[in-house]
Amino acid sequence: MTKNYWVTTKWPPYQYDEDDDTFTIDLQDGREGEAKEKLKPGDLIFIYQLKTGLVEKGLSVKREIGYGGIIALVKATSTVLEDRKTNFTYYKDGSKMNWKWDVRTDTVLKKKSIKRKTFNRIMDYDPNYTLRGFGKKGSGLKNITKSKFCKILKNFDSNIHEKYCKK
């Protein structure tokens, strides 16, 4: 079975959140299409933490300032799953989002390693691209080639590069 490679964006945690080594890939309803078709257990996904993120209505805490770069490599342990209990989340800016879909993962390696300008160079993006609207339909998740994956991995952690990118 062919493995797929991905990059996803995540908002930084709230200030009261404890540091956690687990990640879930969250997708809004209506933006899960490509992942639902292609993402499967065993696929490898880089986590790109944005500098900022929306704050839910009713919360008095702020989000931490995010890293603005790659912070982890994870392996999917599920396909895209529907969370039937999820309703809309309302944010202080007046927007609302329905995070109806998710993918469970195991963390391969967590470390703050690649900043935005380096990531953008590897991906052939404009150096100032903020990754807002990233992925198909602005899903925050993008399928990438093995070649791009290996370039990111070499910059992320050269010690595990050979394990996943040997020729």
Protein backbone atom coordinates (compact mmCIF):
# COMPACT_ATOMS: atom_id res chain seq x y z
CA MET A 1 0.00 0.00 0.00
CA THR A 2 1.37 3.40 -1.00
CA LYS A 3 1.99 5.83 1.82
CA ASN A 4 0.82 9.43 1.58
CA TYR A 5 2.60 12.43 3.07
CA TRP A 6 0.89 15.50 4.49
CA VAL A 7 1.34 18.84 6.22
CA THR A 8 -1.36 20.24 8.49
CA THR A 9 -1.71 23.54 10.30
CA LYS A 10 -2.70 23.82 13.96
CA TRP A 11 -3.49 26.83 16.09
CA PRO A 12 -1.32 27.34 19.17
CA PRO A 13 -2.72 26.06 22.46
CA TYR A 14 -4.54 28.19 25.00
CA GLN A 15 -2.35 29.60 27.75
CA TYR A 16 -3.77 27.21 30.36
CA ASP A 17 -3.27 24.06 28.26
CA GLU A 18 -0.59 21.67 29.45
CA ASP A 19 2.07 20.68 26.91
CA ASP A 20 0.97 17.47 25.28
CA ASP A 21 2.75 15.09 22.93
CA THR A 22 -0.46 13.98 21.23
CA PHE A 23 -2.05 15.54 18.18
CA THR A 24 -5.37 15.08 16.43
CA ILE A 25 -5.87 16.35 12.90
CA ASP A 26 -9.10 18.37 12.98
CA LEU A 27 -11.04 19.18 9.81
CA GLN A 28 -14.05 21.42 9.31
CA ASP A 29 -17.20 19.95 7.82
CA GLY A 30 -17.14 20.45 4.05
CA ARG A 31 -13.33 20.58 3.92
CA GLU A 32 -12.55 16.91 4.59
CA GLY A 33 -12.84 15.72 0.97
CA GLU A 34 -9.22 15.07 -0.10
CA ALA A 35 -8.28 13.63 3.29
CA LYS A 36 -11.34 11.39 3.35
CA GLU A 37 -10.37 10.02 -0.06
CA LYS A 38 -6.61 9.61 0.45
CA LEU A 39 -5.52 9.73 4.12
CA LYS A 40 -5.06 6.34 5.76
CA PRO A 41 -3.38 4.75 8.78
CA GLY A 42 0.40 4.81 8.40
CA ASP A 43 0.49 8.11 6.49
CA LEU A 44 3.01 10.63 7.83
CA ILE A 45 1.95 14.17 8.69
CA PHE A 46 4.00 17.22 9.67
CA ILE A 47 2.33 19.56 12.18
CA TYR A 48 2.86 23.25 11.39
CA GLN A 49 1.91 25.44 14.36
CA LEU A 50 0.58 28.84 13.32
CA LYS A 51 1.58 31.98 15.26
CA THR A 52 -2.04 32.79 16.16
CA GLY A 53 -5.48 31.23 16.24
CA LEU A 54 -9.06 32.15 16.99
CA VAL A 55 -10.33 32.22 20.59
CA GLU A 56 -13.66 30.64 21.48
CA LYS A 57 -16.46 32.88 22.72
CA GLY A 58 -16.85 32.82 26.48
CA LEU A 59 -13.20 32.06 27.25
CA SER A 60 -11.21 34.60 29.22
CA VAL A 61 -7.81 33.17 28.32
CA LYS A 62 -5.70 33.89 25.26
CA ARG A 63 -3.77 31.56 23.02
CA GLU A 64 -0.03 31.25 23.40
CA ILE A 65 2.05 32.83 20.66
CA GLY A 66 2.64 29.92 18.29
CA TYR A 67 5.97 28.72 16.94
CA GLY A 68 5.25 29.65 13.34
CA GLY A 69 6.78 26.48 11.95
CA ILE A 70 6.98 22.69 12.02
CA ILE A 71 6.70 21.31 15.55
CA ALA A 72 6.07 17.59 15.06
CA LEU A 73 5.94 14.59 12.79
CA VAL A 74 3.01 12.23 13.42
CA LYS A 75 1.72 8.99 11.94
CA ALA A 76 -1.99 8.54 11.23
CA THR A 77 -3.57 5.71 13.23
CA SER A 78 -7.04 6.13 11.71
CA THR A 79 -8.79 7.24 8.58
CA VAL A 80 -10.86 10.43 8.66
CA LEU A 81 -13.51 9.86 11.33
CA GLU A 82 -16.81 11.67 11.79
CA ASP A 83 -17.41 13.10 15.27
CA ARG A 84 -21.20 13.02 15.47
CA LYS A 85 -21.19 14.88 18.80
CA THR A 86 -19.50 17.96 17.36
CA ASN A 87 -21.53 21.12 16.95
CA PHE A 88 -20.45 24.54 15.83
CA THR A 89 -17.73 26.31 17.79
CA TYR A 90 -18.26 30.06 18.04
CA TYR A 91 -15.32 32.45 18.14
CA LYS A 92 -14.84 35.95 19.53
CA ASP A 93 -14.39 37.40 16.03
CA GLY A 94 -17.97 36.36 15.20
CA SER A 95 -17.05 33.33 13.08
CA LYS A 96 -18.23 29.79 13.65
CA MET A 97 -16.72 26.48 12.57
CA ASN A 98 -17.91 22.89 12.67
CA TRP A 99 -14.88 20.67 13.42
CA LYS A 100 -16.82 17.54 12.46
CA TRP A 101 -13.94 15.36 11.22
CA ASP A 102 -10.70 14.17 12.77
CA VAL A 103 -7.77 11.84 12.27
CA ARG A 104 -6.08 10.17 15.23
CA THR A 105 -2.29 10.01 15.30
CA ASP A 106 0.78 8.79 17.17
CA THR A 107 3.66 11.21 17.58
CA VAL A 108 6.86 10.14 15.82
CA LEU A 109 8.90 13.15 16.95
CA LYS A 110 8.00 16.46 18.58
CA LYS A 111 10.44 19.34 18.37
CA LYS A 112 10.41 22.93 17.22
CA SER A 113 12.66 22.86 14.22
CA ILE A 114 11.64 24.54 10.96
CA LYS A 115 10.46 28.16 10.91
CA ARG A 116 8.05 29.54 8.33
CA LYS A 117 10.55 31.09 5.89
CA THR A 118 12.53 27.82 5.64
CA PHE A 119 9.32 25.82 5.24
CA ASN A 120 8.09 28.22 2.56
CA ARG A 121 11.40 27.92 0.69
CA ILE A 122 11.20 24.11 0.72
CA MET A 123 7.58 24.23 -0.49
CA ASP A 124 8.37 26.88 -3.17
CA TYR A 125 5.98 29.37 -1.54
CA ASP A 126 6.42 33.11 -1.18
CA PRO A 127 8.69 33.72 1.86
CA ASN A 128 5.96 35.76 3.58
CA TYR A 129 3.11 33.28 3.05
CA THR A 130 1.43 32.77 6.47
CA LEU A 131 -0.29 29.45 5.62
CA ARG A 132 -3.75 30.95 6.20
CA GLY A 133 -6.06 29.17 3.77
CA PHE A 134 -3.57 26.29 3.45
CA GLY A 135 -4.63 23.08 1.68
CA LYS A 136 -7.54 22.23 -0.59
CA LYS A 137 -10.61 24.37 0.18
CA GLY A 138 -8.61 25.98 3.03
CA SER A 139 -8.78 22.70 4.96
CA GLY A 140 -5.46 23.26 6.74
CA LEU A 141 -4.25 19.88 5.42
CA LYS A 142 -2.21 19.38 2.26
CA ASN A 143 -1.07 16.18 0.54
CA ILE A 144 2.62 16.55 -0.47
CA THR A 145 5.03 14.49 -2.56
CA LYS A 146 7.54 12.15 -0.99
CA SER A 147 10.28 14.41 -2.36
CA LYS A 148 8.88 17.45 -0.48
CA PHE A 149 8.33 15.31 2.62
CA CYS A 150 11.98 14.20 2.55
CA LYS A 151 13.24 17.77 2.11
CA ILE A 152 11.18 18.91 5.09
CA LEU A 153 12.30 15.88 7.14
CA LYS A 154 15.98 16.50 6.37
CA ASN A 155 15.62 20.01 7.81
CA PHE A 156 13.41 18.81 10.68
CA ASP A 157 15.61 16.00 11.95
CA SER A 158 18.44 14.52 9.90
CA ASN A 159 18.76 11.58 12.35
CA ILE A 160 15.42 10.05 11.28
CA HIS A 161 15.65 11.19 7.65
CA GLU A 162 17.19 7.93 6.43
CA LYS A 163 14.53 5.81 8.17
CA TYR A 164 11.74 7.36 6.09
CA CYS A 165 13.56 8.58 2.98
CA LYS A 166 16.09 5.94 2.02
CA LYS A 167 16.18 5.41 -1.73
